[in-house]
Amino acid sequence: MFTKRRELEEPDIDITAFMNLMIVLVPVLLMSMVFNHISILELNLPDLTGAQTASAEDNRQLEVVVREAVIEVYYPSGNLVKTIDKVEATDDGKAARHDFRALSNALMEIKRRLAAKSIDKKDVLLLSEPGVTYQSLVSTMDTLRSAKTVVVAEAVDVELFPEISLGDAPKKGGKS
């Protein structure tokens, strides 16, 4: 009458194979990860309000126009200071590129002239043509923000024009 029931024992789950997979998979995934470095640039839109709060000298606009073949520096707006041609292609297969060292030298000269007049100008208007590469635009922004110079036998970064506004370049024959 009384039937004796056997209690069924739950079999143990064998997770050895799963643990082996995790031991191999985790280091492989960690080694294949790509760590990205993201930089954020703060850019300003040109002021369209026409506010005339500072002196006429302070309101003069420094413009750098990046074209496919040249970089043009205007200060004040409309007065060409320097035209910088591309550096020629080299024998080792590198294509012609913009001469950012010459741009840096021109910007440092403008900064020196402004400092001699006790003007602390930090803003610049960067204008680019549609065909300019992204790398050229970023390298130009880096050049506009700071320059390397030697002070007491030590290379230091000097702030040039960190407040960058972006815009479209006028047509080649047009007014800047």
N, C-alpha and C. Protein backbone atom coordinates (compact mmCIF):
# COMPACT_ATOMS: atom_id res chain seq x y z
N MET A 1 0.76 -1.17 0.00
CA MET A 1 0.00 0.00 0.00
C MET A 1 0.82 1.27 0.00
N PHE A 2 1.68 1.18 0.85
CA PHE A 2 2.54 2.35 0.82
C PHE A 2 3.64 2.12 -0.20
N THR A 3 3.68 2.99 -1.13
CA THR A 3 4.78 2.90 -2.07
C THR A 3 5.83 3.92 -1.67
N LYS A 4 6.94 3.47 -1.67
CA LYS A 4 8.02 4.34 -1.25
C LYS A 4 8.55 5.07 -2.49
N ARG A 5 8.43 6.34 -2.43
CA ARG A 5 8.93 7.14 -3.54
C ARG A 5 10.37 7.49 -3.29
N ARG A 6 11.07 7.33 -4.33
CA ARG A 6 12.46 7.76 -4.21
C ARG A 6 12.52 9.23 -4.59
N GLU A 7 13.22 9.90 -3.83
CA GLU A 7 13.39 11.29 -4.20
C GLU A 7 14.42 11.37 -5.30
N LEU A 8 14.00 12.05 -6.35
CA LEU A 8 14.90 12.18 -7.49
C LEU A 8 15.92 13.28 -7.20
N GLU A 9 17.11 12.93 -7.38
CA GLU A 9 18.16 13.91 -7.17
C GLU A 9 18.39 14.66 -8.47
N GLU A 10 18.54 15.95 -8.32
CA GLU A 10 18.85 16.79 -9.47
C GLU A 10 20.29 16.53 -9.87
N PRO A 11 20.50 16.24 -11.12
CA PRO A 11 21.90 16.03 -11.53
C PRO A 11 22.66 17.36 -11.52
N ASP A 12 23.93 17.34 -11.20
CA ASP A 12 24.75 18.54 -11.21
C ASP A 12 24.97 18.98 -12.65
N ILE A 13 24.92 20.27 -12.83
CA ILE A 13 25.16 20.83 -14.16
C ILE A 13 26.66 20.95 -14.36
N ASP A 14 27.12 20.43 -15.44
CA ASP A 14 28.54 20.49 -15.73
C ASP A 14 28.81 21.75 -16.56
N ILE A 15 29.39 22.75 -15.94
CA ILE A 15 29.66 24.01 -16.63
C ILE A 15 31.14 24.16 -16.97
N THR A 16 31.86 23.11 -16.94
CA THR A 16 33.29 23.16 -17.23
C THR A 16 33.57 23.65 -18.64
N ALA A 17 32.81 23.17 -19.60
CA ALA A 17 33.02 23.60 -20.99
C ALA A 17 32.72 25.09 -21.14
N PHE A 18 31.66 25.56 -20.49
CA PHE A 18 31.31 26.98 -20.56
C PHE A 18 32.39 27.84 -19.90
N MET A 19 32.90 27.41 -18.77
CA MET A 19 33.96 28.15 -18.09
C MET A 19 35.23 28.20 -18.94
N ASN A 20 35.55 27.11 -19.60
CA ASN A 20 36.71 27.11 -20.49
C ASN A 20 36.53 28.10 -21.62
N LEU A 21 35.33 28.16 -22.16
CA LEU A 21 35.03 29.12 -23.23
C LEU A 21 35.21 30.55 -22.74
N MET A 22 34.71 30.86 -21.56
CA MET A 22 34.83 32.21 -21.01
C MET A 22 36.29 32.57 -20.72
N ILE A 23 37.04 31.59 -20.23
CA ILE A 23 38.45 31.86 -19.92
C ILE A 23 39.22 32.22 -21.19
N VAL A 24 38.86 31.66 -22.30
CA VAL A 24 39.53 31.96 -23.56
C VAL A 24 38.92 33.21 -24.21
N LEU A 25 37.60 33.34 -24.17
CA LEU A 25 36.91 34.40 -24.89
C LEU A 25 37.17 35.79 -24.31
N VAL A 26 37.18 35.92 -23.00
CA VAL A 26 37.35 37.23 -22.37
C VAL A 26 38.70 37.85 -22.72
N PRO A 27 39.83 37.17 -22.58
CA PRO A 27 41.10 37.80 -22.97
C PRO A 27 41.17 38.11 -24.47
N VAL A 28 40.61 37.25 -25.31
CA VAL A 28 40.65 37.52 -26.75
C VAL A 28 39.87 38.77 -27.07
N LEU A 29 38.69 38.94 -26.48
CA LEU A 29 37.90 40.15 -26.73
C LEU A 29 38.58 41.40 -26.18
N LEU A 30 39.21 41.28 -25.02
CA LEU A 30 39.91 42.43 -24.46
C LEU A 30 41.10 42.83 -25.31
N MET A 31 41.82 41.85 -25.85
CA MET A 31 42.98 42.17 -26.68
C MET A 31 42.57 42.76 -28.02
N SER A 32 41.41 42.42 -28.52
CA SER A 32 41.00 42.93 -29.83
C SER A 32 40.25 44.25 -29.74
N MET A 33 40.02 44.76 -28.53
CA MET A 33 39.32 46.03 -28.37
C MET A 33 40.17 47.16 -28.92
N VAL A 34 39.52 48.12 -29.52
CA VAL A 34 40.19 49.30 -30.01
C VAL A 34 39.81 50.44 -29.07
N PHE A 35 40.82 51.06 -28.53
CA PHE A 35 40.56 52.18 -27.63
C PHE A 35 40.64 53.46 -28.44
N ASN A 36 39.55 54.19 -28.47
CA ASN A 36 39.47 55.44 -29.24
C ASN A 36 39.77 56.62 -28.34
N HIS A 37 40.44 57.58 -28.92
CA HIS A 37 40.67 58.84 -28.24
C HIS A 37 39.85 59.89 -28.98
N ILE A 38 38.90 60.46 -28.30
CA ILE A 38 38.02 61.44 -28.94
C ILE A 38 38.38 62.81 -28.42
N SER A 39 38.62 63.73 -29.34
CA SER A 39 38.89 65.11 -28.98
C SER A 39 37.71 65.96 -29.41
N ILE A 40 37.38 66.91 -28.60
CA ILE A 40 36.27 67.79 -28.91
C ILE A 40 36.82 69.20 -29.09
N LEU A 41 36.50 69.79 -30.21
CA LEU A 41 36.91 71.16 -30.47
C LEU A 41 35.71 72.07 -30.29
N GLU A 42 35.90 73.16 -29.59
CA GLU A 42 34.81 74.11 -29.43
C GLU A 42 34.93 75.14 -30.56
N LEU A 43 33.89 75.21 -31.36
CA LEU A 43 33.87 76.14 -32.49
C LEU A 43 32.75 77.14 -32.29
N ASN A 44 32.95 78.32 -32.81
CA ASN A 44 31.96 79.39 -32.68
C ASN A 44 31.42 79.75 -34.04
N LEU A 45 30.16 80.11 -34.09
CA LEU A 45 29.60 80.64 -35.32
C LEU A 45 29.94 82.13 -35.40
N PRO A 46 30.10 82.65 -36.62
CA PRO A 46 30.41 84.08 -36.73
C PRO A 46 29.30 84.92 -36.12
N ASP A 47 29.69 86.03 -35.49
CA ASP A 47 28.72 86.91 -34.85
C ASP A 47 27.98 87.70 -35.91
N LEU A 48 26.68 87.51 -35.98
CA LEU A 48 25.86 88.20 -36.98
C LEU A 48 25.08 89.35 -36.38
N THR A 49 25.26 89.64 -35.10
CA THR A 49 24.49 90.70 -34.46
C THR A 49 25.02 92.08 -34.80
N GLY A 50 26.29 92.16 -35.19
CA GLY A 50 26.87 93.46 -35.54
C GLY A 50 27.14 94.33 -34.33
N ALA A 51 27.31 93.74 -33.19
CA ALA A 51 27.56 94.51 -31.96
C ALA A 51 28.91 95.21 -32.08
N GLN A 52 28.91 96.52 -31.81
CA GLN A 52 30.12 97.33 -31.92
C GLN A 52 30.54 97.76 -30.52
N THR A 53 30.99 96.82 -29.70
CA THR A 53 31.35 97.16 -28.32
C THR A 53 32.82 97.48 -28.17
N ALA A 54 33.67 96.91 -28.96
CA ALA A 54 35.11 97.14 -28.82
C ALA A 54 35.56 98.20 -29.83
N SER A 55 36.85 98.53 -29.77
CA SER A 55 37.38 99.53 -30.68
C SER A 55 37.44 98.98 -32.10
N ALA A 56 37.66 99.86 -33.06
CA ALA A 56 37.70 99.45 -34.46
C ALA A 56 38.86 98.49 -34.72
N GLU A 57 39.98 98.68 -34.03
CA GLU A 57 41.14 97.79 -34.22
C GLU A 57 40.83 96.39 -33.70
N ASP A 58 40.12 96.30 -32.59
CA ASP A 58 39.77 94.99 -32.03
C ASP A 58 38.77 94.25 -32.91
N ASN A 59 37.94 94.99 -33.64
CA ASN A 59 36.91 94.37 -34.48
C ASN A 59 37.43 93.90 -35.82
N ARG A 60 38.66 94.18 -36.14
CA ARG A 60 39.21 93.72 -37.40
C ARG A 60 39.26 92.20 -37.39
N GLN A 61 38.79 91.61 -38.47
CA GLN A 61 38.66 90.16 -38.53
C GLN A 61 39.87 89.53 -39.20
N LEU A 62 40.42 88.51 -38.55
CA LEU A 62 41.47 87.69 -39.15
C LEU A 62 40.78 86.53 -39.84
N GLU A 63 41.06 86.36 -41.13
CA GLU A 63 40.45 85.30 -41.91
C GLU A 63 41.53 84.41 -42.50
N VAL A 64 41.32 83.10 -42.41
CA VAL A 64 42.19 82.12 -43.04
C VAL A 64 41.32 81.32 -43.99
N VAL A 65 41.64 81.40 -45.28
CA VAL A 65 40.85 80.72 -46.31
C VAL A 65 41.65 79.51 -46.79
N VAL A 66 41.08 78.32 -46.61
CA VAL A 66 41.74 77.09 -47.03
C VAL A 66 41.12 76.66 -48.35
N ARG A 67 41.94 76.66 -49.39
CA ARG A 67 41.52 76.21 -50.71
C ARG A 67 42.25 74.91 -51.02
N GLU A 68 41.86 74.25 -52.09
CA GLU A 68 42.51 72.98 -52.44
C GLU A 68 43.99 73.16 -52.74
N ALA A 69 44.36 74.28 -53.34
CA ALA A 69 45.75 74.49 -53.77
C ALA A 69 46.55 75.40 -52.84
N VAL A 70 45.89 76.31 -52.14
CA VAL A 70 46.61 77.31 -51.33
C VAL A 70 45.86 77.58 -50.03
N ILE A 71 46.56 78.24 -49.13
CA ILE A 71 45.94 78.82 -47.93
C ILE A 71 46.20 80.32 -48.00
N GLU A 72 45.15 81.11 -47.82
CA GLU A 72 45.26 82.56 -47.87
C GLU A 72 44.95 83.13 -46.49
N VAL A 73 45.79 84.08 -46.06
CA VAL A 73 45.61 84.73 -44.76
C VAL A 73 45.27 86.19 -45.02
N TYR A 74 44.13 86.64 -44.47
CA TYR A 74 43.67 88.01 -44.63
C TYR A 74 43.58 88.67 -43.26
N TYR A 75 44.22 89.87 -43.13
CA TYR A 75 44.04 90.66 -41.93
C TYR A 75 44.31 92.11 -42.26
N PRO A 76 43.39 93.00 -41.99
CA PRO A 76 42.00 92.75 -41.65
C PRO A 76 41.26 92.16 -42.84
N SER A 77 40.03 91.83 -42.62
CA SER A 77 39.22 91.16 -43.62
C SER A 77 39.32 91.87 -44.98
N GLY A 78 39.68 91.11 -46.02
CA GLY A 78 39.79 91.67 -47.36
C GLY A 78 41.20 92.06 -47.76
N ASN A 79 42.13 92.20 -46.81
CA ASN A 79 43.52 92.56 -47.11
C ASN A 79 44.38 91.31 -47.03
N LEU A 80 44.85 90.86 -48.19
CA LEU A 80 45.66 89.65 -48.25
C LEU A 80 47.02 89.90 -47.61
N VAL A 81 47.35 89.09 -46.61
CA VAL A 81 48.64 89.18 -45.94
C VAL A 81 49.62 88.21 -46.57
N LYS A 82 49.16 86.96 -46.79
CA LYS A 82 50.07 85.94 -47.31
C LYS A 82 49.28 84.87 -48.02
N THR A 83 49.85 84.37 -49.12
CA THR A 83 49.33 83.21 -49.82
C THR A 83 50.35 82.10 -49.67
N ILE A 84 49.90 80.96 -49.16
CA ILE A 84 50.81 79.85 -48.88
C ILE A 84 50.46 78.70 -49.81
N ASP A 85 51.39 78.39 -50.72
CA ASP A 85 51.19 77.29 -51.66
C ASP A 85 51.41 75.96 -50.98
N LYS A 86 50.92 74.90 -51.64
CA LYS A 86 51.14 73.55 -51.12
C LYS A 86 52.61 73.17 -51.26
N VAL A 87 53.06 72.31 -50.36
CA VAL A 87 54.40 71.74 -50.45
C VAL A 87 54.34 70.66 -51.52
N GLU A 88 55.33 70.63 -52.38
CA GLU A 88 55.33 69.68 -53.50
C GLU A 88 55.39 68.24 -53.02
N ALA A 89 54.93 67.34 -53.87
CA ALA A 89 54.98 65.90 -53.57
C ALA A 89 56.44 65.46 -53.48
N THR A 90 56.69 64.50 -52.61
CA THR A 90 58.06 64.00 -52.43
C THR A 90 58.26 62.70 -53.21
N ASP A 91 59.52 62.29 -53.30
CA ASP A 91 59.85 61.07 -54.04
C ASP A 91 59.37 59.80 -53.35
N ASP A 92 59.15 59.86 -52.04
CA ASP A 92 58.74 58.65 -51.31
C ASP A 92 57.23 58.38 -51.40
N GLY A 93 56.53 59.04 -52.30
CA GLY A 93 55.13 58.73 -52.55
C GLY A 93 54.14 59.61 -51.82
N LYS A 94 54.59 60.54 -51.00
CA LYS A 94 53.66 61.43 -50.30
C LYS A 94 53.14 62.48 -51.26
N ALA A 95 51.85 62.72 -51.21
CA ALA A 95 51.22 63.70 -52.10
C ALA A 95 51.51 65.12 -51.61
N ALA A 96 51.24 66.09 -52.47
CA ALA A 96 51.40 67.48 -52.09
C ALA A 96 50.43 67.80 -50.96
N ARG A 97 50.88 68.62 -50.01
CA ARG A 97 50.05 68.94 -48.86
C ARG A 97 50.23 70.41 -48.51
N HIS A 98 49.33 70.93 -47.70
CA HIS A 98 49.42 72.32 -47.29
C HIS A 98 50.63 72.53 -46.38
N ASP A 99 51.23 73.70 -46.47
CA ASP A 99 52.41 74.04 -45.69
C ASP A 99 51.98 74.69 -44.38
N PHE A 100 51.75 73.88 -43.36
CA PHE A 100 51.26 74.41 -42.08
C PHE A 100 52.35 75.12 -41.30
N ARG A 101 53.61 74.81 -41.56
CA ARG A 101 54.70 75.52 -40.88
C ARG A 101 54.74 76.99 -41.35
N ALA A 102 54.57 77.22 -42.64
CA ALA A 102 54.54 78.59 -43.16
C ALA A 102 53.30 79.33 -42.63
N LEU A 103 52.17 78.62 -42.52
CA LEU A 103 50.96 79.23 -41.96
C LEU A 103 51.21 79.62 -40.51
N SER A 104 51.84 78.74 -39.75
CA SER A 104 52.13 79.04 -38.35
C SER A 104 53.04 80.25 -38.23
N ASN A 105 54.05 80.36 -39.09
CA ASN A 105 54.96 81.51 -39.05
C ASN A 105 54.21 82.81 -39.38
N ALA A 106 53.31 82.76 -40.37
CA ALA A 106 52.53 83.95 -40.73
C ALA A 106 51.61 84.36 -39.58
N LEU A 107 50.99 83.39 -38.93
CA LEU A 107 50.10 83.70 -37.80
C LEU A 107 50.88 84.25 -36.60
N MET A 108 52.08 83.70 -36.37
CA MET A 108 52.90 84.22 -35.26
C MET A 108 53.32 85.66 -35.54
N GLU A 109 53.59 85.99 -36.80
CA GLU A 109 53.95 87.36 -37.14
C GLU A 109 52.77 88.31 -36.91
N ILE A 110 51.57 87.89 -37.29
CA ILE A 110 50.38 88.71 -37.04
C ILE A 110 50.17 88.88 -35.54
N LYS A 111 50.34 87.81 -34.78
CA LYS A 111 50.17 87.86 -33.32
C LYS A 111 51.19 88.82 -32.70
N ARG A 112 52.44 88.81 -33.21
CA ARG A 112 53.48 89.72 -32.70
C ARG A 112 53.09 91.17 -32.98
N ARG A 113 52.59 91.45 -34.21
CA ARG A 113 52.19 92.81 -34.56
C ARG A 113 51.04 93.28 -33.67
N LEU A 114 50.09 92.39 -33.39
CA LEU A 114 48.97 92.75 -32.53
C LEU A 114 49.43 92.97 -31.09
N ALA A 115 50.36 92.14 -30.62
CA ALA A 115 50.88 92.30 -29.26
C ALA A 115 51.65 93.61 -29.11
N ALA A 116 52.33 94.04 -30.18
CA ALA A 116 53.05 95.31 -30.13
C ALA A 116 52.08 96.49 -29.98
N LYS A 117 50.84 96.31 -30.46
CA LYS A 117 49.81 97.35 -30.32
C LYS A 117 48.94 97.11 -29.08
N SER A 118 49.34 96.16 -28.24
CA SER A 118 48.61 95.79 -27.01
C SER A 118 47.19 95.31 -27.31
N ILE A 119 47.06 94.55 -28.37
CA ILE A 119 45.76 93.96 -28.73
C ILE A 119 45.84 92.47 -28.48
N ASP A 120 44.91 91.96 -27.68
CA ASP A 120 44.86 90.54 -27.37
C ASP A 120 43.74 89.90 -28.19
N LYS A 121 44.04 89.58 -29.43
CA LYS A 121 43.05 88.99 -30.34
C LYS A 121 43.14 87.49 -30.24
N LYS A 122 41.99 86.83 -30.06
CA LYS A 122 41.96 85.37 -29.94
C LYS A 122 41.05 84.72 -30.96
N ASP A 123 40.28 85.52 -31.70
CA ASP A 123 39.31 84.93 -32.62
C ASP A 123 39.83 84.95 -34.05
N VAL A 124 39.41 83.95 -34.81
CA VAL A 124 39.79 83.83 -36.21
C VAL A 124 38.62 83.20 -36.96
N LEU A 125 38.46 83.58 -38.20
CA LEU A 125 37.42 83.02 -39.05
C LEU A 125 38.09 82.10 -40.06
N LEU A 126 37.76 80.81 -40.00
CA LEU A 126 38.33 79.80 -40.89
C LEU A 126 37.32 79.50 -41.99
N LEU A 127 37.68 79.81 -43.21
CA LEU A 127 36.80 79.60 -44.36
C LEU A 127 37.40 78.51 -45.24
N SER A 128 36.56 77.58 -45.70
CA SER A 128 37.09 76.48 -46.52
C SER A 128 36.23 76.25 -47.75
N GLU A 129 36.90 75.82 -48.81
CA GLU A 129 36.21 75.43 -50.04
C GLU A 129 35.60 74.05 -49.86
N PRO A 130 34.61 73.70 -50.67
CA PRO A 130 33.99 72.38 -50.54
C PRO A 130 34.94 71.20 -50.80
N GLY A 131 35.97 71.35 -51.61
CA GLY A 131 36.86 70.23 -51.94
C GLY A 131 37.99 69.98 -50.96
N VAL A 132 38.10 70.78 -49.90
CA VAL A 132 39.20 70.64 -48.95
C VAL A 132 38.97 69.40 -48.10
N THR A 133 40.05 68.62 -47.89
CA THR A 133 39.93 67.38 -47.13
C THR A 133 39.71 67.68 -45.65
N TYR A 134 39.10 66.74 -44.98
CA TYR A 134 38.84 66.86 -43.55
C TYR A 134 40.15 66.99 -42.77
N GLN A 135 41.15 66.20 -43.13
CA GLN A 135 42.44 66.25 -42.44
C GLN A 135 43.09 67.61 -42.58
N SER A 136 42.98 68.23 -43.76
CA SER A 136 43.55 69.57 -43.95
C SER A 136 42.85 70.59 -43.07
N LEU A 137 41.53 70.45 -42.95
CA LEU A 137 40.76 71.37 -42.12
C LEU A 137 41.14 71.22 -40.64
N VAL A 138 41.27 69.99 -40.16
CA VAL A 138 41.64 69.75 -38.76
C VAL A 138 43.06 70.22 -38.49
N SER A 139 43.98 69.95 -39.42
CA SER A 139 45.37 70.40 -39.23
C SER A 139 45.45 71.92 -39.23
N THR A 140 44.62 72.58 -40.05
CA THR A 140 44.59 74.04 -40.06
C THR A 140 44.08 74.56 -38.72
N MET A 141 43.05 73.93 -38.17
CA MET A 141 42.53 74.35 -36.86
C MET A 141 43.58 74.18 -35.77
N ASP A 142 44.32 73.08 -35.82
CA ASP A 142 45.39 72.86 -34.84
C ASP A 142 46.46 73.95 -34.96
N THR A 143 46.78 74.32 -36.20
CA THR A 143 47.79 75.36 -36.44
C THR A 143 47.28 76.72 -35.96
N LEU A 144 45.98 76.99 -36.14
CA LEU A 144 45.42 78.27 -35.70
C LEU A 144 45.42 78.41 -34.18
N ARG A 145 45.22 77.31 -33.48
CA ARG A 145 45.12 77.37 -32.02
C ARG A 145 46.45 77.63 -31.34
N SER A 146 47.51 76.97 -31.78
CA SER A 146 48.79 77.12 -31.08
C SER A 146 49.95 76.86 -32.03
N ALA A 147 51.12 77.31 -31.62
CA ALA A 147 52.33 77.11 -32.41
C ALA A 147 53.46 76.71 -31.47
N LYS A 148 54.38 75.93 -32.00
CA LYS A 148 55.56 75.55 -31.22
C LYS A 148 56.65 76.58 -31.47
N THR A 149 57.27 77.03 -30.40
CA THR A 149 58.37 77.97 -30.51
C THR A 149 59.40 77.62 -29.44
N VAL A 150 60.59 78.15 -29.58
CA VAL A 150 61.67 77.87 -28.63
C VAL A 150 61.84 79.06 -27.71
N VAL A 151 61.73 78.79 -26.41
CA VAL A 151 61.94 79.81 -25.39
C VAL A 151 62.98 79.27 -24.42
N VAL A 152 64.10 79.94 -24.31
CA VAL A 152 65.20 79.56 -23.43
C VAL A 152 65.56 78.09 -23.65
N ALA A 153 65.85 77.75 -24.89
CA ALA A 153 66.31 76.42 -25.29
C ALA A 153 65.31 75.31 -24.97
N GLU A 154 64.04 75.66 -24.90
CA GLU A 154 63.01 74.66 -24.62
C GLU A 154 61.82 74.92 -25.54
N ALA A 155 61.32 73.86 -26.18
CA ALA A 155 60.17 73.99 -27.07
C ALA A 155 58.90 74.10 -26.25
N VAL A 156 58.12 75.15 -26.53
CA VAL A 156 56.85 75.36 -25.82
C VAL A 156 55.75 75.67 -26.83
N ASP A 157 54.51 75.43 -26.42
CA ASP A 157 53.35 75.79 -27.24
C ASP A 157 52.92 77.20 -26.87
N VAL A 158 52.72 78.02 -27.90
CA VAL A 158 52.27 79.39 -27.70
C VAL A 158 50.85 79.49 -28.25
N GLU A 159 49.95 80.07 -27.47
CA GLU A 159 48.57 80.24 -27.92
C GLU A 159 48.51 81.31 -29.00
N LEU A 160 47.83 80.99 -30.10
CA LEU A 160 47.67 81.96 -31.18
C LEU A 160 46.23 82.47 -31.21
N PHE A 161 45.35 81.76 -31.88
CA PHE A 161 43.96 82.18 -32.03
C PHE A 161 43.04 80.99 -31.73
N PRO A 162 42.74 80.73 -30.46
CA PRO A 162 41.98 79.53 -30.11
C PRO A 162 40.49 79.61 -30.38
N GLU A 163 39.93 80.79 -30.55
CA GLU A 163 38.49 80.93 -30.78
C GLU A 163 38.22 80.90 -32.28
N ILE A 164 37.90 79.72 -32.79
CA ILE A 164 37.78 79.50 -34.24
C ILE A 164 36.31 79.49 -34.64
N SER A 165 35.98 80.27 -35.67
CA SER A 165 34.66 80.24 -36.28
C SER A 165 34.82 79.66 -37.68
N LEU A 166 33.85 78.86 -38.10
CA LEU A 166 33.90 78.21 -39.41
C LEU A 166 32.94 78.87 -40.38
N GLY A 167 33.30 78.82 -41.65
CA GLY A 167 32.43 79.33 -42.69
C GLY A 167 32.86 78.80 -44.04
N ASP A 168 32.06 79.12 -45.07
CA ASP A 168 32.37 78.73 -46.43
C ASP A 168 33.23 79.79 -47.09
N ALA A 169 34.22 79.36 -47.84
CA ALA A 169 35.11 80.29 -48.53
C ALA A 169 34.38 80.91 -49.72
N PRO A 170 34.66 82.18 -50.00
CA PRO A 170 34.09 82.79 -51.20
C PRO A 170 34.73 82.19 -52.45
N LYS A 171 34.10 82.38 -53.56
CA LYS A 171 34.66 81.92 -54.83
C LYS A 171 36.00 82.58 -55.04
N LYS A 172 36.86 81.94 -55.83
CA LYS A 172 38.25 82.39 -56.01
C LYS A 172 38.35 83.83 -56.47
N GLY A 173 37.52 84.26 -57.37
CA GLY A 173 37.58 85.65 -57.86
C GLY A 173 36.82 86.62 -57.00
N GLY A 174 36.07 86.11 -56.02
CA GLY A 174 35.18 86.95 -55.20
C GLY A 174 35.90 87.64 -54.09
N LYS A 175 35.16 88.48 -53.39
CA LYS A 175 35.68 89.23 -52.25
C LYS A 175 35.64 88.37 -51.00
N SER A 176 36.66 88.46 -50.13
CA SER A 176 36.69 87.67 -48.89
C SER A 176 35.90 88.35 -47.82
